[in-house]
């Protein structure tokens, strides 16, 4: 099965979003989630609301992300949420790694469709950053939601020189 061309440009319907060409200060080429923009597993493009800090990602789940026949593997859904929520935390000024991810699988996600993943930082308490996210196939049709607890770490220990 041939995958379609890379994701065409998408812009959220709401004003105030900017495209994130390099969503994290880490090297993207090795990312399981967004490292292969021409591959058959996952294709991801990121946007961030300039004022609110919400991050959105357009994600295409290809045939190499299959779990149940014709549907995305639960691990691929969790990985996308982890990355998009992490991008939201990094762009809110927090150098973080994931400490806990709680995922609710609401309905199977068919392969070969575009989705939108939403993520926003909900609370900050010391080194603990709580981020909420969800994956929708169309407005209001939630396939997966998650709460991530991220932990602030020294960016130099991760080989990162700065937080956006």
Protein backbone atom coordinates (compact mmCIF):
# COMPACT_ATOMS: atom_id res chain seq x y z
CA UNK A 1 0.00 0.00 0.00
CA UNK A 2 1.50 3.35 -1.04
CA UNK A 3 1.28 6.14 1.48
CA UNK A 4 0.01 9.54 0.36
CA UNK A 5 2.36 12.46 -0.02
CA UNK A 6 3.43 14.32 3.15
CA UNK A 7 0.72 16.16 4.99
CA UNK A 8 -0.49 19.19 3.10
CA UNK A 9 -0.49 22.51 4.95
CA UNK A 10 -3.14 22.72 7.63
CA UNK A 11 -4.00 25.73 9.69
CA UNK A 12 -6.35 25.63 12.68
CA UNK A 13 -9.64 27.40 12.04
CA UNK A 14 -8.99 29.81 14.89
CA UNK A 15 -6.72 32.82 14.50
CA UNK A 16 -3.55 33.10 16.57
CA UNK A 17 -1.83 29.82 15.64
CA UNK A 18 1.69 29.67 14.21
CA UNK A 19 3.37 26.72 12.53
CA UNK A 20 6.17 25.10 14.53
CA UNK A 21 8.75 24.03 12.00
CA UNK A 22 11.09 22.70 14.70
CA UNK A 23 8.74 21.88 17.58
CA UNK A 24 11.37 20.80 20.11
CA UNK A 25 14.93 21.87 20.72
CA UNK A 26 16.00 18.24 20.40
CA UNK A 27 17.04 16.65 17.13
CA UNK A 28 13.82 15.51 15.43
CA UNK A 29 15.34 13.08 12.94
CA UNK A 30 15.36 10.23 15.47
CA UNK A 31 11.87 10.81 16.87
CA UNK A 32 9.72 7.68 16.70
CA UNK A 33 6.68 9.90 16.24
CA UNK A 34 7.69 12.78 13.97
CA UNK A 35 11.08 11.72 12.61
CA UNK A 36 9.93 10.40 9.21
CA UNK A 37 7.72 12.92 7.37
CA UNK A 38 7.56 10.66 4.29
CA UNK A 39 7.07 7.33 6.07
CA UNK A 40 4.19 4.91 6.33
CA UNK A 41 3.90 5.00 10.15
CA UNK A 42 3.16 8.54 11.36
CA UNK A 43 3.30 11.97 9.79
CA UNK A 44 3.06 14.96 12.08
CA UNK A 45 2.88 18.75 11.67
CA UNK A 46 2.70 21.09 14.71
CA UNK A 47 1.04 24.45 15.47
CA UNK A 48 1.01 26.57 18.63
CA UNK A 49 -1.40 29.28 19.71
CA UNK A 50 0.75 32.35 20.31
CA UNK A 51 -1.18 33.66 23.32
CA UNK A 52 -2.72 30.56 24.93
CA UNK A 53 0.21 28.20 24.33
CA UNK A 54 -2.06 25.34 23.22
CA UNK A 55 -0.32 23.00 20.79
CA UNK A 56 -2.12 21.23 17.97
CA UNK A 57 -0.71 18.61 15.69
CA UNK A 58 -2.11 17.22 12.49
CA UNK A 59 -1.29 13.52 12.54
CA UNK A 60 -1.73 10.87 9.87
CA UNK A 61 -1.64 7.27 11.10
CA UNK A 62 -0.37 5.07 8.28
CA UNK A 63 -0.36 1.31 7.71
CA UNK A 64 2.85 0.83 9.72
CA UNK A 65 0.99 2.12 12.82
CA UNK A 66 -1.52 -0.73 12.65
CA UNK A 67 -2.67 -2.59 15.74
CA UNK A 68 -6.13 -4.12 15.38
CA UNK A 69 -6.83 -4.75 11.67
CA UNK A 70 -7.35 -1.44 9.90
CA UNK A 71 -6.88 0.63 13.06
CA UNK A 72 -4.07 2.46 14.85
CA UNK A 73 -2.11 0.59 17.50
CA UNK A 74 -2.78 1.88 21.02
CA UNK A 75 0.95 2.40 21.51
CA UNK A 76 1.09 4.70 18.49
CA UNK A 77 -1.75 6.78 19.93
CA UNK A 78 0.02 7.01 23.29
CA UNK A 79 3.32 7.92 21.60
CA UNK A 80 1.67 10.74 19.65
CA UNK A 81 0.05 12.10 22.81
CA UNK A 82 3.37 11.88 24.69
CA UNK A 83 5.18 13.87 22.01
CA UNK A 84 2.52 16.52 21.40
CA UNK A 85 1.99 17.08 25.14
CA UNK A 86 5.76 17.26 25.62
CA UNK A 87 5.99 19.88 22.87
CA UNK A 88 3.31 21.90 24.69
CA UNK A 89 5.33 21.76 27.92
CA UNK A 90 8.63 22.66 26.20
CA UNK A 91 7.03 25.61 24.42
CA UNK A 92 5.57 26.77 27.73
CA UNK A 93 9.18 27.09 28.89
CA UNK A 94 9.64 23.79 30.75
CA UNK A 95 12.42 21.34 29.91
CA UNK A 96 10.65 18.09 30.73
CA UNK A 97 10.55 14.35 30.42
CA UNK A 98 7.45 12.25 30.86
CA UNK A 99 6.92 10.81 34.33
CA UNK A 100 3.44 9.28 33.95
CA UNK A 101 0.99 8.99 31.09
CA UNK A 102 -2.62 8.02 31.72
CA UNK A 103 -4.42 7.23 28.48
CA UNK A 104 -8.15 6.66 27.94
CA UNK A 105 -8.98 4.82 24.73
CA UNK A 106 -12.50 5.85 23.80
CA UNK A 107 -12.97 4.41 20.29
CA UNK A 108 -10.73 2.72 17.72
CA UNK A 109 -9.00 5.05 15.27
CA UNK A 110 -9.11 3.95 11.62
CA UNK A 111 -5.83 4.09 9.71
CA UNK A 112 -5.09 6.37 6.76
CA UNK A 113 -7.03 9.38 8.03
CA UNK A 114 -5.88 12.77 9.26
CA UNK A 115 -6.44 13.58 12.90
CA UNK A 116 -5.88 16.56 15.15
CA UNK A 117 -4.13 16.16 18.49
CA UNK A 118 -4.67 18.89 21.08
CA UNK A 119 -2.39 19.53 24.07
CA UNK A 120 -2.18 22.19 26.75
CA UNK A 121 -0.40 22.71 30.04
CA UNK A 122 -3.02 22.66 32.79
CA UNK A 123 -0.94 23.16 35.93
CA UNK A 124 2.58 23.75 37.19
CA UNK A 125 3.64 22.80 40.72
CA UNK A 126 7.37 23.02 41.25
CA UNK A 127 8.99 20.47 38.92
CA UNK A 128 5.63 18.80 38.15
CA UNK A 129 3.90 19.89 34.93
CA UNK A 130 0.44 18.49 34.16
CA UNK A 131 -0.54 18.44 30.49
CA UNK A 132 -3.83 17.27 28.97
CA UNK A 133 -4.26 16.01 25.42
CA UNK A 134 -6.68 14.32 23.06
CA UNK A 135 -6.84 12.94 19.53
CA UNK A 136 -9.87 13.71 17.37
CA UNK A 137 -10.71 12.45 13.89
CA UNK A 138 -13.18 15.28 13.43
CA UNK A 139 -14.41 18.04 15.74
CA UNK A 140 -15.86 16.49 18.88
CA UNK A 141 -15.07 12.88 17.90
CA UNK A 142 -12.46 11.95 20.52
CA UNK A 143 -10.63 8.66 20.01
CA UNK A 144 -8.06 8.98 22.79
CA UNK A 145 -7.45 11.39 25.66
CA UNK A 146 -4.61 11.57 28.14
CA UNK A 147 -3.14 13.28 31.14
CA UNK A 148 0.62 13.48 31.29
CA UNK A 149 2.68 14.29 34.34
CA UNK A 150 5.98 15.71 33.13
CA UNK A 151 9.01 16.36 35.30
CA UNK A 152 11.32 19.34 34.79
CA UNK A 153 14.94 18.29 34.19
CA UNK A 154 18.16 20.14 33.49
CA UNK A 155 18.16 20.58 29.68
CA UNK A 156 21.94 20.15 29.55
CA UNK A 157 21.53 16.62 30.93
CA UNK A 158 19.39 15.87 27.87
CA UNK A 159 21.94 17.43 25.52
CA UNK A 160 19.70 20.43 24.92
CA UNK A 161 21.12 23.91 25.19
CA UNK A 162 17.92 25.90 25.57
CA UNK A 163 14.20 25.72 26.11
CA UNK A 164 12.18 27.58 23.42
